[in-house]
C-alpha atoms as a PDB file:
ATOM      1  CA  MET A   1      89.629 150.348 100.606  1.00  0.00           C
ATOM      2  CA  THR A   2      86.131 148.868 100.694  1.00  0.00           C
ATOM      3  CA  HIS A   3      85.182 146.228 103.240  1.00  0.00           C
ATOM      4  CA  SER A   4      84.799 143.601 100.484  1.00  0.00           C
ATOM      5  CA  LEU A   5      88.248 144.366  99.081  1.00  0.00           C
ATOM      6  CA  GLN A   6      89.779 144.306 102.573  1.00  0.00           C
ATOM      7  CA  LEU A   7      88.193 140.920 103.228  1.00  0.00           C
ATOM      8  CA  ARG A   8      89.517 139.480  99.940  1.00  0.00           C
ATOM      9  CA  PHE A   9      92.968 140.889 100.663  1.00  0.00           C
ATOM     10  CA  ALA A  10      92.937 139.353 104.179  1.00  0.00           C
ATOM     11  CA  ILE A  11      91.848 135.979 102.795  1.00  0.00           C
ATOM     12  CA  ALA A  12      94.595 136.130 100.168  1.00  0.00           C
ATOM     13  CA  LEU A  13      97.188 136.843 102.875  1.00  0.00           C
ATOM     14  CA  VAL A  14      95.974 133.911 104.978  1.00  0.00           C
ATOM     15  CA  VAL A  15      96.049 131.555 101.981  1.00  0.00           C
ATOM     16  CA  PHE A  16      99.552 132.762 101.063  1.00  0.00           C
ATOM     17  CA  ALA A  17     100.781 132.301 104.651  1.00  0.00           C
ATOM     18  CA  ILE A  18      99.317 128.792 104.885  1.00  0.00           C
ATOM     19  CA  SER A  19     100.764 127.757 101.533  1.00  0.00           C
ATOM     20  CA  SER A  20     104.166 129.139 102.527  1.00  0.00           C
ATOM     21  CA  LEU A  21     104.089 127.193 105.783  1.00  0.00           C
ATOM     22  CA  SER A  22     103.009 124.080 103.916  1.00  0.00           C
ATOM     23  CA  ARG A  23     105.889 124.404 101.432  1.00  0.00           C
ATOM     24  CA  GLY A  24     108.307 124.903 104.309  1.00  0.00           C
ATOM     25  CA  ALA A  25     107.104 121.731 105.986  1.00  0.00           C
ATOM     26  CA  ASP A  26     107.300 119.831 102.684  1.00  0.00           C
ATOM     27  CA  SER A  27     110.860 121.017 102.072  1.00  0.00           C
ATOM     28  CA  THR A  28     111.891 119.928 105.584  1.00  0.00           C
ATOM     29  CA  VAL A  29     110.365 116.492 105.024  1.00  0.00           C
ATOM     30  CA  GLN A  30     112.002 116.281 101.595  1.00  0.00           C
ATOM     31  CA  ALA A  31     115.389 117.268 103.039  1.00  0.00           C
ATOM     32  CA  ASN A  32     115.010 114.470 105.601  1.00  0.00           C
ATOM     33  CA  ASP A  33     113.986 112.014 102.874  1.00  0.00           C
ATOM     34  CA  GLU A  34     116.954 112.932 100.694  1.00  0.00           C
ATOM     35  CA  LYS A  35     119.301 111.243 103.171  1.00  0.00           C
ATOM     36  CA  PRO A  36     117.891 107.721 102.797  1.00  0.00           C
ATOM     37  CA  ILE A  37     117.657 108.156  99.024  1.00  0.00           C
ATOM     38  CA  ARG A  38     121.319 109.180  98.860  1.00  0.00           C
ATOM     39  CA  ALA A  39     122.056 106.202 101.114  1.00  0.00           C
ATOM     40  CA  LEU A  40     120.482 103.904  98.481  1.00  0.00           C
ATOM     41  CA  ILE A  41     122.940 105.200  95.880  1.00  0.00           C
ATOM     42  CA  ALA A  42     125.860 104.870  98.298  1.00  0.00           C
ATOM     43  CA  ALA A  43     124.810 101.326  99.269  1.00  0.00           C
ATOM     44  CA  SER A  44     124.606 100.250  95.642  1.00  0.00           C
ATOM     45  CA  GLY A  45     128.121 101.614  95.017  1.00  0.00           C
ATOM     46  CA  GLU A  46     129.454  99.874  98.133  1.00  0.00           C
ATOM     47  CA  ALA A  47     127.865  96.599  97.024  1.00  0.00           C
ATOM     48  CA  PHE A  48     129.577  96.932  93.637  1.00  0.00           C
ATOM     49  CA  ALA A  49     132.906  97.617  95.342  1.00  0.00           C
ATOM     50  CA  LYS A  50     132.445  94.494  97.493  1.00  0.00           C
ATOM     51  CA  LEU A  51     131.301  92.457  94.453  1.00  0.00           C
ATOM     52  CA  ASP A  52     128.127  91.601  96.372  1.00  0.00           C
ATOM     53  CA  ALA A  53     125.178  91.046  94.024  1.00  0.00           C
ATOM     54  CA  HIS A  54     122.852  90.267  96.931  1.00  0.00           C
ATOM     55  CA  ALA A  55     123.657  93.530  98.741  1.00  0.00           C
ATOM     56  CA  PHE A  56     123.213  95.395  95.439  1.00  0.00           C
ATOM     57  CA  SER A  57     119.744  93.882  95.003  1.00  0.00           C
ATOM     58  CA  MET A  58     118.673  94.891  98.508  1.00  0.00           C
ATOM     59  CA  VAL A  59     118.431  98.608  97.575  1.00  0.00           C
ATOM     60  CA  PHE A  60     115.541  97.648  95.259  1.00  0.00           C
ATOM     61  CA  HIS A  61     111.927  96.998  96.195  1.00  0.00           C
ATOM     62  CA  GLU A  62     110.845  93.377  95.845  1.00  0.00           C
ATOM     63  CA  ASP A  63     109.002  94.089  92.547  1.00  0.00           C
ATOM     64  CA  ALA A  64     111.545  96.531  91.076  1.00  0.00           C
ATOM     65  CA  ASP A  65     112.667  96.773  87.453  1.00  0.00           C
ATOM     66  CA  PHE A  66     116.255  97.240  86.259  1.00  0.00           C
ATOM     67  CA  THR A  67     117.437  98.058  82.730  1.00  0.00           C
ATOM     68  CA  ASN A  68     121.146  98.100  81.871  1.00  0.00           C
ATOM     69  CA  VAL A  69     123.049 100.189  79.313  1.00  0.00           C
ATOM     70  CA  TRP A  70     122.306  97.645  76.557  1.00  0.00           C
ATOM     71  CA  GLY A  71     118.556  97.551  77.228  1.00  0.00           C
ATOM     72  CA  MET A  72     118.599  94.186  79.011  1.00  0.00           C
ATOM     73  CA  THR A  73     116.109  94.003  81.872  1.00  0.00           C
ATOM     74  CA  ALA A  74     115.493  92.183  85.127  1.00  0.00           C
ATOM     75  CA  HIS A  75     112.235  92.241  87.090  1.00  0.00           C
ATOM     76  CA  GLY A  76     112.192  91.613  90.820  1.00  0.00           C
ATOM     77  CA  ARG A  77     114.881  91.756  93.481  1.00  0.00           C
ATOM     78  CA  LYS A  78     115.987  88.122  93.008  1.00  0.00           C
ATOM     79  CA  ALA A  79     116.280  88.531  89.215  1.00  0.00           C
ATOM     80  CA  ILE A  80     118.256  91.757  89.693  1.00  0.00           C
ATOM     81  CA  GLU A  81     120.647  89.890  91.992  1.00  0.00           C
ATOM     82  CA  GLU A  82     121.088  87.041  89.496  1.00  0.00           C
ATOM     83  CA  PHE A  83     121.491  89.503  86.618  1.00  0.00           C
ATOM     84  CA  HIS A  84     124.404  91.227  88.401  1.00  0.00           C
ATOM     85  CA  ARG A  85     126.147  88.147  89.820  1.00  0.00           C
ATOM     86  CA  PRO A  86     128.093  87.274  86.604  1.00  0.00           C
ATOM     87  CA  LEU A  87     129.058  90.935  86.173  1.00  0.00           C
ATOM     88  CA  LEU A  88     130.529  91.097  89.659  1.00  0.00           C
ATOM     89  CA  GLU A  89     132.007  87.596  89.806  1.00  0.00           C
ATOM     90  CA  GLY A  90     132.935  86.855  86.181  1.00  0.00           C
ATOM     91  CA  ASP A  91     136.323  87.280  84.532  1.00  0.00           C
ATOM     92  CA  GLY A  92     135.244  89.219  81.415  1.00  0.00           C
ATOM     93  CA  ALA A  93     136.884  86.712  79.063  1.00  0.00           C
ATOM     94  CA  GLY A  94     133.689  86.496  76.989  1.00  0.00           C
ATOM     95  CA  PRO A  95     130.855  88.815  76.023  1.00  0.00           C
ATOM     96  CA  ILE A  96     129.618  89.284  79.598  1.00  0.00           C
ATOM     97  CA  PRO A  97     131.517  92.231  81.084  1.00  0.00           C
ATOM     98  CA  SER A  98     133.320  91.840  84.370  1.00  0.00           C
ATOM     99  CA  PHE A  99     133.350  94.570  86.990  1.00  0.00           C
ATOM    100  CA  LYS A 100     135.447  92.453  89.372  1.00  0.00           C
ATOM    101  CA  HIS A 101     138.417  94.834  89.203  1.00  0.00           C
ATOM    102  CA  ALA A 102     136.507  97.934  88.150  1.00  0.00           C
ATOM    103  CA  GLN A 103     136.390 101.178  90.053  1.00  0.00           C
ATOM    104  CA  LEU A 104     132.960 102.807  90.085  1.00  0.00           C
ATOM    105  CA  LYS A 105     132.598 106.390  91.249  1.00  0.00           C
ATOM    106  CA  VAL A 106     129.330 108.302  91.649  1.00  0.00           C
ATOM    107  CA  LEU A 107     129.977 111.924  90.695  1.00  0.00           C
ATOM    108  CA  ASP A 108     126.696 113.705  91.283  1.00  0.00           C
ATOM    109  CA  THR A 109     123.228 112.803  92.510  1.00  0.00           C
ATOM    110  CA  ARG A 110     120.182 114.968  91.797  1.00  0.00           C
ATOM    111  CA  ILE A 111     116.877 114.272  93.497  1.00  0.00           C
ATOM    112  CA  ARG A 112     113.486 115.665  92.523  1.00  0.00           C
ATOM    113  CA  PHE A 113     110.444 114.786  94.580  1.00  0.00           C
ATOM    114  CA  LEU A 114     107.421 114.089  92.410  1.00  0.00           C
ATOM    115  CA  ARG A 115     105.317 113.421  95.513  1.00  0.00           C
ATOM    116  CA  PRO A 116     106.319 113.075  99.168  1.00  0.00           C
ATOM    117  CA  ASP A 117     106.746 109.320  98.644  1.00  0.00           C
ATOM    118  CA  VAL A 118     108.130 109.309  95.064  1.00  0.00           C
ATOM    119  CA  ALA A 119     111.437 110.757  93.889  1.00  0.00           C
ATOM    120  CA  SER A 120     113.140 110.897  90.525  1.00  0.00           C
ATOM    121  CA  VAL A 121     116.902 110.481  90.893  1.00  0.00           C
ATOM    122  CA  ASP A 122     119.728 111.035  88.405  1.00  0.00           C
ATOM    123  CA  ALA A 123     123.210 109.906  89.415  1.00  0.00           C
ATOM    124  CA  THR A 124     126.184 110.333  87.092  1.00  0.00           C
ATOM    125  CA  TRP A 125     129.012 107.846  87.372  1.00  0.00           C
ATOM    126  CA  THR A 126     132.405 106.909  85.976  1.00  0.00           C
ATOM    127  CA  GLN A 127     134.042 103.519  85.774  1.00  0.00           C
ATOM    128  CA  THR A 128     137.488 102.203  84.942  1.00  0.00           C
ATOM    129  CA  GLY A 129     138.836  98.662  84.957  1.00  0.00           C
ATOM    130  CA  ALA A 130     135.846  96.842  83.463  1.00  0.00           C
ATOM    131  CA  VAL A 131     136.746  93.964  81.139  1.00  0.00           C
ATOM    132  CA  GLN A 132     134.790  92.482  78.221  1.00  0.00           C
ATOM    133  CA  ASN A 133     135.984  89.890  75.688  1.00  0.00           C
ATOM    134  CA  GLY A 134     139.306  89.889  77.523  1.00  0.00           C
ATOM    135  CA  ARG A 135     139.894  93.606  76.862  1.00  0.00           C
ATOM    136  CA  ASP A 136     139.723  96.620  79.130  1.00  0.00           C
ATOM    137  CA  MET A 137     136.578  98.602  78.336  1.00  0.00           C
ATOM    138  CA  GLY A 138     138.393 101.874  79.012  1.00  0.00           C
ATOM    139  CA  PHE A 139     137.028 104.905  80.799  1.00  0.00           C
ATOM    140  CA  ARG A 140     133.243 104.873  80.969  1.00  0.00           C
ATOM    141  CA  LYS A 141     130.781 107.528  82.036  1.00  0.00           C
ATOM    142  CA  GLY A 142     127.095 107.004  82.588  1.00  0.00           C
ATOM    143  CA  LEU A 143     123.836 107.999  84.150  1.00  0.00           C
ATOM    144  CA  LEU A 144     121.627 106.067  86.533  1.00  0.00           C
ATOM    145  CA  MET A 145     118.043 107.243  86.231  1.00  0.00           C
ATOM    146  CA  LEU A 146     115.788 105.856  88.896  1.00  0.00           C
ATOM    147  CA  ILE A 147     112.499 106.209  90.648  1.00  0.00           C
ATOM    148  CA  ALA A 148     112.707 105.754  94.411  1.00  0.00           C
ATOM    149  CA  THR A 149     109.538 105.189  96.386  1.00  0.00           C
ATOM    150  CA  LYS A 150     108.768 105.164 100.058  1.00  0.00           C
ATOM    151  CA  GLN A 151     106.931 102.114 101.361  1.00  0.00           C
ATOM    152  CA  GLY A 152     106.036 102.607 105.005  1.00  0.00           C
ATOM    153  CA  ASP A 153     109.134 104.252 106.470  1.00  0.00           C
ATOM    154  CA  ASP A 154     111.584 102.739 103.992  1.00  0.00           C
ATOM    155  CA  TRP A 155     112.820 104.090 100.686  1.00  0.00           C
ATOM    156  CA  GLY A 156     113.778 101.701  97.909  1.00  0.00           C
ATOM    157  CA  ILE A 157     114.363 101.718  94.187  1.00  0.00           C
ATOM    158  CA  ALA A 158     111.268 100.863  92.149  1.00  0.00           C
ATOM    159  CA  VAL A 159     112.772 101.399  88.676  1.00  0.00           C
ATOM    160  CA  MET A 160     116.378 101.914  87.559  1.00  0.00           C
ATOM    161  CA  HIS A 161     117.684 102.565  84.066  1.00  0.00           C
ATOM    162  CA  ASN A 162     121.407 102.747  83.469  1.00  0.00           C
ATOM    163  CA  MET A 163     122.909 104.368  80.409  1.00  0.00           C
ATOM    164  CA  ASP A 164     126.336 105.107  79.017  1.00  0.00           C
ATOM    165  CA  LEU A 165     127.137 108.734  78.284  1.00  0.00           C
ATOM    166  CA  PRO A 166     129.574 109.935  75.643  1.00  0.00           C
ATOM    167  CA  VAL A 167     133.084 110.337  76.955  1.00  0.00           C
ATOM    168  CA  THR A 168     134.572 113.662  75.904  1.00  0.00           C
ATOM    169  CA  LYS A 169     138.180 114.523  76.407  1.00  0.00           C
END
């Protein structure tokens, strides 16, 4: 092996070793950051169970956006809280659904880091007991798609879209 080829091979090994170490460090950081992101999902579910629109809004950043399964939107933490209050406190007698007696269950959460401080999150869910127009809405299944971002040391939801999925039997 010529000296030039040996030198290139040695440089390639060093670059590979450094990149491997870097990926290992990134994956450790990402594993640590998965916990607070999963905690955001858990906190939102707990807030729903407690019918607490304020607690639900607190998982969002101050300037967050929320879109529900019908395409209705709310911008900002306060608007997200007010948007969810009738859903959590209402009786479902009219067109606004009520989740007062609903059971929400998160089935699976998948996290993909786009950058160390930005994660794409998909969380599938099921719900029973929701009422709209005085009638039980039946078994529902859906997907929360969100972007979580880290501001300082804290993770929060920057954007959340909720969608219904087809229910297959």
